[in-house]
Amino acid sequence: GEPGSPCSLPFWGCLECPNAVITSRKLPAILSFLGFLEDQRLSLSTNHWAAKFAAAHARITRQILPAFSAATVEEARRVLSREPVSVYLPPEASL
């Protein structure tokens, strides 16, 4: 998009953005979104889920989480359990 304008991508588009910087502070939100993805896997057909969410799921589970220590990820899980994070998802996320 245009510099200074809001990004038009859905939340999970950030996961593929070359400008994205993911810090440990963002891990609770990432884990919350991962939970959403896994819930969607239970309610969507395999093909629909794969087309919509497989890339984001793989990026989180294969690249983002492994980039942090197990202790850091566990701390993010504790934070999330104490202070649930609401991740804004556009309506099409649940279609």
PDB file of N, CA and C in Angstrom:
ATOM      1  N   GLY A   1       0.802  -1.184   0.000  1.00  0.00           N
ATOM      2  CA  GLY A   1       0.000   0.000   0.000  1.00  0.00           C
ATOM      3  C   GLY A   1       0.852   1.258   0.000  1.00  0.00           C
ATOM      4  N   GLU A   2       0.205   2.354   0.162  1.00  0.00           N
ATOM      5  CA  GLU A   2       0.863   3.658   0.206  1.00  0.00           C
ATOM      6  C   GLU A   2       1.519   3.878   1.563  1.00  0.00           C
ATOM      7  N   PRO A   3       2.723   4.455   1.581  1.00  0.00           N
ATOM      8  CA  PRO A   3       3.363   4.772   2.865  1.00  0.00           C
ATOM      9  C   PRO A   3       2.446   5.642   3.728  1.00  0.00           C
ATOM     10  N   GLY A   4       2.325   5.263   4.994  1.00  0.00           N
ATOM     11  CA  GLY A   4       1.504   6.015   5.936  1.00  0.00           C
ATOM     12  C   GLY A   4       0.037   5.641   5.932  1.00  0.00           C
ATOM     13  N   SER A   5      -0.385   4.770   5.015  1.00  0.00           N
ATOM     14  CA  SER A   5      -1.785   4.354   4.984  1.00  0.00           C
ATOM     15  C   SER A   5      -1.923   2.996   5.667  1.00  0.00           C
ATOM     16  N   PRO A   6      -3.126   2.705   6.177  1.00  0.00           N
ATOM     17  CA  PRO A   6      -3.325   1.410   6.830  1.00  0.00           C
ATOM     18  C   PRO A   6      -3.093   0.264   5.856  1.00  0.00           C
ATOM     19  N   CYS A   7      -2.579  -0.802   6.373  1.00  0.00           N
ATOM     20  CA  CYS A   7      -2.351  -1.989   5.554  1.00  0.00           C
ATOM     21  C   CYS A   7      -3.697  -2.642   5.256  1.00  0.00           C
ATOM     22  N   SER A   8      -3.886  -3.068   4.038  1.00  0.00           N
ATOM     23  CA  SER A   8      -5.159  -3.670   3.643  1.00  0.00           C
ATOM     24  C   SER A   8      -5.195  -5.184   3.845  1.00  0.00           C
ATOM     25  N   LEU A   9      -4.090  -5.769   4.243  1.00  0.00           N
ATOM     26  CA  LEU A   9      -4.046  -7.221   4.429  1.00  0.00           C
ATOM     27  C   LEU A   9      -4.739  -7.633   5.718  1.00  0.00           C
ATOM     28  N   PRO A  10      -5.325  -8.832   5.751  1.00  0.00           N
ATOM     29  CA  PRO A  10      -5.850  -9.340   7.015  1.00  0.00           C
ATOM     30  C   PRO A  10      -4.691  -9.581   7.987  1.00  0.00           C
ATOM     31  N   PHE A  11      -5.027  -9.726   9.255  1.00  0.00           N
ATOM     32  CA  PHE A  11      -4.018  -9.892  10.308  1.00  0.00           C
ATOM     33  C   PHE A  11      -2.934 -10.888   9.922  1.00  0.00           C
ATOM     34  N   TRP A  12      -3.339 -12.039   9.426  1.00  0.00           N
ATOM     35  CA  TRP A  12      -2.353 -13.081   9.135  1.00  0.00           C
ATOM     36  C   TRP A  12      -1.465 -12.737   7.949  1.00  0.00           C
ATOM     37  N   GLY A  13      -1.816 -11.726   7.188  1.00  0.00           N
ATOM     38  CA  GLY A  13      -0.939 -11.262   6.118  1.00  0.00           C
ATOM     39  C   GLY A  13       0.378 -10.740   6.661  1.00  0.00           C
ATOM     40  N   CYS A  14       0.353 -10.230   7.884  1.00  0.00           N
ATOM     41  CA  CYS A  14       1.580  -9.737   8.533  1.00  0.00           C
ATOM     42  C   CYS A  14       2.619 -10.847   8.658  1.00  0.00           C
ATOM     43  N   LEU A  15       2.153 -12.065   8.778  1.00  0.00           N
ATOM     44  CA  LEU A  15       3.073 -13.181   8.963  1.00  0.00           C
ATOM     45  C   LEU A  15       3.968 -13.391   7.755  1.00  0.00           C
ATOM     46  N   GLU A  16       3.508 -12.980   6.591  1.00  0.00           N
ATOM     47  CA  GLU A  16       4.282 -13.149   5.364  1.00  0.00           C
ATOM     48  C   GLU A  16       4.969 -11.862   4.912  1.00  0.00           C
ATOM     49  N   CYS A  17       4.721 -10.774   5.615  1.00  0.00           N
ATOM     50  CA  CYS A  17       5.263  -9.480   5.203  1.00  0.00           C
ATOM     51  C   CYS A  17       6.765  -9.415   5.475  1.00  0.00           C
ATOM     52  N   PRO A  18       7.559  -9.017   4.481  1.00  0.00           N
ATOM     53  CA  PRO A  18       9.004  -8.915   4.704  1.00  0.00           C
ATOM     54  C   PRO A  18       9.376  -7.797   5.677  1.00  0.00           C
ATOM     55  N   ASN A  19       8.442  -6.888   5.959  1.00  0.00           N
ATOM     56  CA  ASN A  19       8.706  -5.802   6.907  1.00  0.00           C
ATOM     57  C   ASN A  19       8.288  -6.150   8.334  1.00  0.00           C
ATOM     58  N   ALA A  20       7.692  -7.305   8.532  1.00  0.00           N
ATOM     59  CA  ALA A  20       7.210  -7.683   9.860  1.00  0.00           C
ATOM     60  C   ALA A  20       8.373  -7.955  10.807  1.00  0.00           C
ATOM     61  N   VAL A  21       8.232  -7.446  12.017  1.00  0.00           N
ATOM     62  CA  VAL A  21       9.181  -7.726  13.088  1.00  0.00           C
ATOM     63  C   VAL A  21       8.360  -8.343  14.213  1.00  0.00           C
ATOM     64  N   ILE A  22       8.659  -9.572  14.544  1.00  0.00           N
ATOM     65  CA  ILE A  22       7.902 -10.276  15.576  1.00  0.00           C
ATOM     66  C   ILE A  22       8.789 -10.429  16.795  1.00  0.00           C
ATOM     67  N   THR A  23       8.356  -9.808  17.869  1.00  0.00           N
ATOM     68  CA  THR A  23       9.111  -9.847  19.119  1.00  0.00           C
ATOM     69  C   THR A  23       8.367 -10.709  20.132  1.00  0.00           C
ATOM     70  N   SER A  24       9.022 -11.008  21.225  1.00  0.00           N
ATOM     71  CA  SER A  24       8.392 -11.827  22.265  1.00  0.00           C
ATOM     72  C   SER A  24       7.139 -11.153  22.815  1.00  0.00           C
ATOM     73  N   ARG A  25       7.087  -9.834  22.756  1.00  0.00           N
ATOM     74  CA  ARG A  25       5.907  -9.108  23.229  1.00  0.00           C
ATOM     75  C   ARG A  25       4.666  -9.463  22.409  1.00  0.00           C
ATOM     76  N   LYS A  26       4.857  -9.852  21.160  1.00  0.00           N
ATOM     77  CA  LYS A  26       3.741 -10.206  20.280  1.00  0.00           C
ATOM     78  C   LYS A  26       3.352 -11.681  20.362  1.00  0.00           C
ATOM     79  N   LEU A  27       4.156 -12.481  21.054  1.00  0.00           N
ATOM     80  CA  LEU A  27       3.872 -13.919  21.092  1.00  0.00           C
ATOM     81  C   LEU A  27       2.498 -14.267  21.664  1.00  0.00           C
ATOM     82  N   PRO A  28       2.013 -13.617  22.731  1.00  0.00           N
ATOM     83  CA  PRO A  28       0.661 -13.971  23.186  1.00  0.00           C
ATOM     84  C   PRO A  28      -0.396 -13.787  22.089  1.00  0.00           C
ATOM     85  N   ALA A  29      -0.296 -12.718  21.311  1.00  0.00           N
ATOM     86  CA  ALA A  29      -1.251 -12.507  20.211  1.00  0.00           C
ATOM     87  C   ALA A  29      -1.077 -13.569  19.131  1.00  0.00           C
ATOM     88  N   ILE A  30       0.167 -13.919  18.838  1.00  0.00           N
ATOM     89  CA  ILE A  30       0.438 -14.959  17.839  1.00  0.00           C
ATOM     90  C   ILE A  30      -0.149 -16.288  18.317  1.00  0.00           C
ATOM     91  N   LEU A  31       0.036 -16.605  19.592  1.00  0.00           N
ATOM     92  CA  LEU A  31      -0.507 -17.852  20.139  1.00  0.00           C
ATOM     93  C   LEU A  31      -2.035 -17.834  20.152  1.00  0.00           C
ATOM     94  N   SER A  32      -2.620 -16.686  20.426  1.00  0.00           N
ATOM     95  CA  SER A  32      -4.073 -16.558  20.374  1.00  0.00           C
ATOM     96  C   SER A  32      -4.572 -16.824  18.956  1.00  0.00           C
ATOM     97  N   PHE A  33      -3.889 -16.258  17.982  1.00  0.00           N
ATOM     98  CA  PHE A  33      -4.258 -16.478  16.586  1.00  0.00           C
ATOM     99  C   PHE A  33      -4.061 -17.939  16.198  1.00  0.00           C
ATOM    100  N   LEU A  34      -2.999 -18.555  16.681  1.00  0.00           N
ATOM    101  CA  LEU A  34      -2.766 -19.971  16.410  1.00  0.00           C
ATOM    102  C   LEU A  34      -3.931 -20.806  16.947  1.00  0.00           C
ATOM    103  N   GLY A  35      -4.415 -20.462  18.130  1.00  0.00           N
ATOM    104  CA  GLY A  35      -5.585 -21.152  18.677  1.00  0.00           C
ATOM    105  C   GLY A  35      -6.801 -20.996  17.778  1.00  0.00           C
ATOM    106  N   PHE A  36      -6.994 -19.781  17.256  1.00  0.00           N
ATOM    107  CA  PHE A  36      -8.086 -19.540  16.314  1.00  0.00           C
ATOM    108  C   PHE A  36      -7.935 -20.428  15.080  1.00  0.00           C
ATOM    109  N   LEU A  37      -6.719 -20.486  14.538  1.00  0.00           N
ATOM    110  CA  LEU A  37      -6.479 -21.311  13.348  1.00  0.00           C
ATOM    111  C   LEU A  37      -6.817 -22.764  13.622  1.00  0.00           C
ATOM    112  N   GLU A  38      -6.413 -23.251  14.773  1.00  0.00           N
ATOM    113  CA  GLU A  38      -6.659 -24.652  15.102  1.00  0.00           C
ATOM    114  C   GLU A  38      -8.142 -24.915  15.344  1.00  0.00           C
ATOM    115  N   ASP A  39      -8.856 -23.934  15.907  1.00  0.00           N
ATOM    116  CA  ASP A  39     -10.310 -24.070  16.046  1.00  0.00           C
ATOM    117  C   ASP A  39     -10.984 -24.117  14.673  1.00  0.00           C
ATOM    118  N   GLN A  40     -10.517 -23.277  13.758  1.00  0.00           N
ATOM    119  CA  GLN A  40     -11.084 -23.254  12.412  1.00  0.00           C
ATOM    120  C   GLN A  40     -10.854 -24.577  11.685  1.00  0.00           C
ATOM    121  N   ARG A  41      -9.752 -25.216  11.980  1.00  0.00           N
ATOM    122  CA  ARG A  41      -9.447 -26.506  11.348  1.00  0.00           C
ATOM    123  C   ARG A  41     -10.526 -27.540  11.679  1.00  0.00           C
ATOM    124  N   LEU A  42     -11.131 -27.398  12.858  1.00  0.00           N
ATOM    125  CA  LEU A  42     -12.167 -28.337  13.281  1.00  0.00           C
ATOM    126  C   LEU A  42     -13.504 -28.086  12.596  1.00  0.00           C
ATOM    127  N   SER A  43     -13.718 -26.855  12.113  1.00  0.00           N
ATOM    128  CA  SER A  43     -15.032 -26.534  11.555  1.00  0.00           C
ATOM    129  C   SER A  43     -15.053 -26.349  10.039  1.00  0.00           C
ATOM    130  N   LEU A  44     -13.899 -26.274   9.405  1.00  0.00           N
ATOM    131  CA  LEU A  44     -13.841 -26.099   7.953  1.00  0.00           C
ATOM    132  C   LEU A  44     -13.423 -27.404   7.283  1.00  0.00           C
ATOM    133  N   SER A  45     -13.759 -27.525   6.019  1.00  0.00           N
ATOM    134  CA  SER A  45     -13.271 -28.685   5.277  1.00  0.00           C
ATOM    135  C   SER A  45     -11.748 -28.584   5.182  1.00  0.00           C
ATOM    136  N   THR A  46     -11.109 -29.703   4.974  1.00  0.00           N
ATOM    137  CA  THR A  46      -9.649 -29.724   4.874  1.00  0.00           C
ATOM    138  C   THR A  46      -9.157 -28.784   3.784  1.00  0.00           C
ATOM    139  N   ASN A  47      -9.787 -28.834   2.617  1.00  0.00           N
ATOM    140  CA  ASN A  47      -9.352 -27.987   1.502  1.00  0.00           C
ATOM    141  C   ASN A  47      -9.569 -26.509   1.786  1.00  0.00           C
ATOM    142  N   HIS A  48     -10.729 -26.171   2.369  1.00  0.00           N
ATOM    143  CA  HIS A  48     -11.025 -24.768   2.676  1.00  0.00           C
ATOM    144  C   HIS A  48     -10.029 -24.244   3.716  1.00  0.00           C
ATOM    145  N   TRP A  49      -9.794 -25.017   4.773  1.00  0.00           N
ATOM    146  CA  TRP A  49      -8.843 -24.588   5.802  1.00  0.00           C
ATOM    147  C   TRP A  49      -7.447 -24.423   5.206  1.00  0.00           C
ATOM    148  N   ALA A  50      -7.028 -25.375   4.408  1.00  0.00           N
ATOM    149  CA  ALA A  50      -5.687 -25.315   3.818  1.00  0.00           C
ATOM    150  C   ALA A  50      -5.533 -24.088   2.931  1.00  0.00           C
ATOM    151  N   ALA A  51      -6.534 -23.814   2.114  1.00  0.00           N
ATOM    152  CA  ALA A  51      -6.450 -22.654   1.219  1.00  0.00           C
ATOM    153  C   ALA A  51      -6.393 -21.348   1.996  1.00  0.00           C
ATOM    154  N   LYS A  52      -7.094 -21.306   3.110  1.00  0.00           N
ATOM    155  CA  LYS A  52      -7.216 -20.062   3.862  1.00  0.00           C
ATOM    156  C   LYS A  52      -6.127 -19.876   4.909  1.00  0.00           C
ATOM    157  N   PHE A  53      -5.756 -20.943   5.615  1.00  0.00           N
ATOM    158  CA  PHE A  53      -4.929 -20.783   6.804  1.00  0.00           C
ATOM    159  C   PHE A  53      -3.646 -21.610   6.862  1.00  0.00           C
ATOM    160  N   ALA A  54      -3.445 -22.547   5.959  1.00  0.00           N
ATOM    161  CA  ALA A  54      -2.285 -23.440   6.081  1.00  0.00           C
ATOM    162  C   ALA A  54      -0.958 -22.688   6.072  1.00  0.00           C
ATOM    163  N   ALA A  55      -0.820 -21.694   5.221  1.00  0.00           N
ATOM    164  CA  ALA A  55       0.449 -20.955   5.154  1.00  0.00           C
ATOM    165  C   ALA A  55       0.730 -20.224   6.464  1.00  0.00           C
ATOM    166  N   ALA A  56      -0.293 -19.593   7.031  1.00  0.00           N
ATOM    167  CA  ALA A  56      -0.109 -18.879   8.301  1.00  0.00           C
ATOM    168  C   ALA A  56       0.230 -19.859   9.422  1.00  0.00           C
ATOM    169  N   HIS A  57      -0.466 -20.981   9.453  1.00  0.00           N
ATOM    170  CA  HIS A  57      -0.208 -21.992  10.484  1.00  0.00           C
ATOM    171  C   HIS A  57       1.229 -22.502  10.387  1.00  0.00           C
ATOM    172  N   ALA A  58       1.653 -22.809   9.170  1.00  0.00           N
ATOM    173  CA  ALA A  58       3.023 -23.301   8.977  1.00  0.00           C
ATOM    174  C   ALA A  58       4.048 -22.247   9.378  1.00  0.00           C
ATOM    175  N   ARG A  59       3.809 -21.020   9.017  1.00  0.00           N
ATOM    176  CA  ARG A  59       4.758 -19.945   9.370  1.00  0.00           C
ATOM    177  C   ARG A  59       4.890 -19.830  10.883  1.00  0.00           C
ATOM    178  N   ILE A  60       3.769 -19.881  11.590  1.00  0.00           N
ATOM    179  CA  ILE A  60       3.811 -19.772  13.050  1.00  0.00           C
ATOM    180  C   ILE A  60       4.517 -20.977  13.658  1.00  0.00           C
ATOM    181  N   THR A  61       4.104 -22.175  13.262  1.00  0.00           N
ATOM    182  CA  THR A  61       4.610 -23.380  13.921  1.00  0.00           C
ATOM    183  C   THR A  61       6.001 -23.796  13.474  1.00  0.00           C
ATOM    184  N   ARG A  62       6.379 -23.456  12.244  1.00  0.00           N
ATOM    185  CA  ARG A  62       7.683 -23.900  11.727  1.00  0.00           C
ATOM    186  C   ARG A  62       8.761 -22.828  11.749  1.00  0.00           C
ATOM    187  N   GLN A  63       8.356 -21.554  11.786  1.00  0.00           N
ATOM    188  CA  GLN A  63       9.359 -20.496  11.724  1.00  0.00           C
ATOM    189  C   GLN A  63       9.323 -19.548  12.917  1.00  0.00           C
ATOM    190  N   ILE A  64       8.139 -19.038  13.244  1.00  0.00           N
ATOM    191  CA  ILE A  64       8.074 -18.018  14.294  1.00  0.00           C
ATOM    192  C   ILE A  64       8.343 -18.612  15.667  1.00  0.00           C
ATOM    193  N   LEU A  65       7.549 -19.591  16.077  1.00  0.00           N
ATOM    194  CA  LEU A  65       7.735 -20.151  17.423  1.00  0.00           C
ATOM    195  C   LEU A  65       9.122 -20.760  17.616  1.00  0.00           C
ATOM    196  N   PRO A  66       9.655 -21.510  16.648  1.00  0.00           N
ATOM    197  CA  PRO A  66      11.004 -22.060  16.836  1.00  0.00           C
ATOM    198  C   PRO A  66      12.109 -21.000  16.926  1.00  0.00           C
ATOM    199  N   ALA A  67      11.813 -19.776  16.517  1.00  0.00           N
ATOM    200  CA  ALA A  67      12.820 -18.708  16.606  1.00  0.00           C
ATOM    201  C   ALA A  67      13.000 -18.212  18.037  1.00  0.00           C
ATOM    202  N   PHE A  68      12.091 -18.601  18.929  1.00  0.00           N
ATOM    203  CA  PHE A  68      12.146 -18.193  20.329  1.00  0.00           C
ATOM    204  C   PHE A  68      12.473 -19.405  21.193  1.00  0.00           C
ATOM    205  N   SER A  69      13.049 -19.149  22.335  1.00  0.00           N
ATOM    206  CA  SER A  69      13.360 -20.244  23.255  1.00  0.00           C
ATOM    207  C   SER A  69      12.064 -20.846  23.791  1.00  0.00           C
ATOM    208  N   ALA A  70      12.145 -22.090  24.227  1.00  0.00           N
ATOM    209  CA  ALA A  70      10.979 -22.755  24.812  1.00  0.00           C
ATOM    210  C   ALA A  70      10.476 -21.978  26.019  1.00  0.00           C
ATOM    211  N   ALA A  71      11.385 -21.428  26.804  1.00  0.00           N
ATOM    212  CA  ALA A  71      11.001 -20.653  27.988  1.00  0.00           C
ATOM    213  C   ALA A  71      10.231 -19.394  27.595  1.00  0.00           C
ATOM    214  N   THR A  72      10.644 -18.750  26.526  1.00  0.00           N
ATOM    215  CA  THR A  72       9.968 -17.535  26.070  1.00  0.00           C
ATOM    216  C   THR A  72       8.562 -17.854  25.572  1.00  0.00           C
ATOM    217  N   VAL A  73       8.424 -18.939  24.828  1.00  0.00           N
ATOM    218  CA  VAL A  73       7.105 -19.344  24.331  1.00  0.00           C
ATOM    219  C   VAL A  73       6.214 -19.741  25.503  1.00  0.00           C
ATOM    220  N   GLU A  74       6.759 -20.454  26.463  1.00  0.00           N
ATOM    221  CA  GLU A  74       5.972 -20.856  27.631  1.00  0.00           C
ATOM    222  C   GLU A  74       5.521 -19.637  28.428  1.00  0.00           C
ATOM    223  N   GLU A  75       6.383 -18.655  28.574  1.00  0.00           N
ATOM    224  CA  GLU A  75       6.000 -17.422  29.269  1.00  0.00           C
ATOM    225  C   GLU A  75       4.872 -16.726  28.513  1.00  0.00           C
ATOM    226  N   ALA A  76       4.937 -16.707  27.196  1.00  0.00           N
ATOM    227  CA  ALA A  76       3.863 -16.107  26.394  1.00  0.00           C
ATOM    228  C   ALA A  76       2.554 -16.865  26.610  1.00  0.00           C
ATOM    229  N   ARG A  77       2.632 -18.187  26.742  1.00  0.00           N
ATOM    230  CA  ARG A  77       1.428 -18.986  27.016  1.00  0.00           C
ATOM    231  C   ARG A  77       0.854 -18.632  28.391  1.00  0.00           C
ATOM    232  N   ARG A  78       1.728 -18.434  29.372  1.00  0.00           N
ATOM    233  CA  ARG A  78       1.266 -18.042  30.709  1.00  0.00           C
ATOM    234  C   ARG A  78       0.597 -16.671  30.666  1.00  0.00           C
ATOM    235  N   VAL A  79       1.219 -15.740  29.955  1.00  0.00           N
ATOM    236  CA  VAL A  79       0.631 -14.401  29.821  1.00  0.00           C
ATOM    237  C   VAL A  79      -0.745 -14.506  29.171  1.00  0.00           C
ATOM    238  N   LEU A  80      -0.848 -15.291  28.119  1.00  0.00           N
ATOM    239  CA  LEU A  80      -2.115 -15.455  27.413  1.00  0.00           C
ATOM    240  C   LEU A  80      -3.179 -16.077  28.319  1.00  0.00           C
ATOM    241  N   SER A  81      -2.796 -17.014  29.163  1.00  0.00           N
ATOM    242  CA  SER A  81      -3.776 -17.644  30.055  1.00  0.00           C
ATOM    243  C   SER A  81      -4.263 -16.675  31.132  1.00  0.00           C
ATOM    244  N   ARG A  82      -3.391 -15.756  31.548  1.00  0.00           N
ATOM    245  CA  ARG A  82      -3.773 -14.754  32.557  1.00  0.00           C
ATOM    246  C   ARG A  82      -4.524 -13.583  31.944  1.00  0.00           C
ATOM    247  N   GLU A  83      -4.108 -13.191  30.763  1.00  0.00           N
ATOM    248  CA  GLU A  83      -4.651 -12.001  30.102  1.00  0.00           C
ATOM    249  C   GLU A  83      -4.977 -12.347  28.650  1.00  0.00           C
ATOM    250  N   PRO A  84      -6.143 -12.938  28.409  1.00  0.00           N
ATOM    251  CA  PRO A  84      -6.487 -13.316  27.036  1.00  0.00           C
ATOM    252  C   PRO A  84      -6.368 -12.131  26.076  1.00  0.00           C
ATOM    253  N   VAL A  85      -5.862 -12.414  24.906  1.00  0.00           N
ATOM    254  CA  VAL A  85      -5.653 -11.399  23.879  1.00  0.00           C
ATOM    255  C   VAL A  85      -6.730 -11.563  22.816  1.00  0.00           C
ATOM    256  N   SER A  86      -7.436 -10.496  22.534  1.00  0.00           N
ATOM    257  CA  SER A  86      -8.396 -10.513  21.435  1.00  0.00           C
ATOM    258  C   SER A  86      -7.678 -10.044  20.186  1.00  0.00           C
ATOM    259  N   VAL A  87      -7.621 -10.894  19.212  1.00  0.00           N
ATOM    260  CA  VAL A  87      -6.993 -10.554  17.945  1.00  0.00           C
ATOM    261  C   VAL A  87      -8.110 -10.156  16.997  1.00  0.00           C
ATOM    262  N   TYR A  88      -8.057  -8.917  16.486  1.00  0.00           N
ATOM    263  CA  TYR A  88      -9.081  -8.485  15.536  1.00  0.00           C
ATOM    264  C   TYR A  88      -8.949  -9.311  14.266  1.00  0.00           C
ATOM    265  N   LEU A  89     -10.038  -9.903  13.889  1.00  0.00           N
ATOM    266  CA  LEU A  89     -10.077 -10.660  12.642  1.00  0.00           C
ATOM    267  C   LEU A  89     -11.222 -10.124  11.800  1.00  0.00           C
ATOM    268  N   PRO A  90     -10.976  -9.861  10.535  1.00  0.00           N
ATOM    269  CA  PRO A  90     -12.059  -9.384   9.681  1.00  0.00           C
ATOM    270  C   PRO A  90     -13.124 -10.464   9.536  1.00  0.00           C
ATOM    271  N   PRO A  91     -14.351 -10.071   9.203  1.00  0.00           N
ATOM    272  CA  PRO A  91     -15.443 -11.054   9.104  1.00  0.00           C
ATOM    273  C   PRO A  91     -15.122 -12.230   8.187  1.00  0.00           C
ATOM    274  N   GLU A  92     -14.367 -11.994   7.129  1.00  0.00           N
ATOM    275  CA  GLU A  92     -14.080 -13.085   6.194  1.00  0.00           C
ATOM    276  C   GLU A  92     -13.195 -14.167   6.803  1.00  0.00           C
ATOM    277  N   ALA A  93     -12.601 -13.902   7.953  1.00  0.00           N
ATOM    278  CA  ALA A  93     -11.763 -14.909   8.603  1.00  0.00           C
ATOM    279  C   ALA A  93     -12.584 -16.124   9.012  1.00  0.00           C
ATOM    280  N   SER A  94     -13.842 -15.907   9.314  1.00  0.00           N
ATOM    281  CA  SER A  94     -14.684 -17.011   9.777  1.00  0.00           C
ATOM    282  C   SER A  94     -15.632 -17.541   8.714  1.00  0.00           C
ATOM    283  N   LEU A  95     -15.443 -17.128   7.483  1.00  0.00           N
ATOM    284  CA  LEU A  95     -16.328 -17.605   6.404  1.00  0.00           C
ATOM    285  C   LEU A  95     -15.836 -18.911   5.837  1.00  0.00           C
TER     286      LEU A  95
END
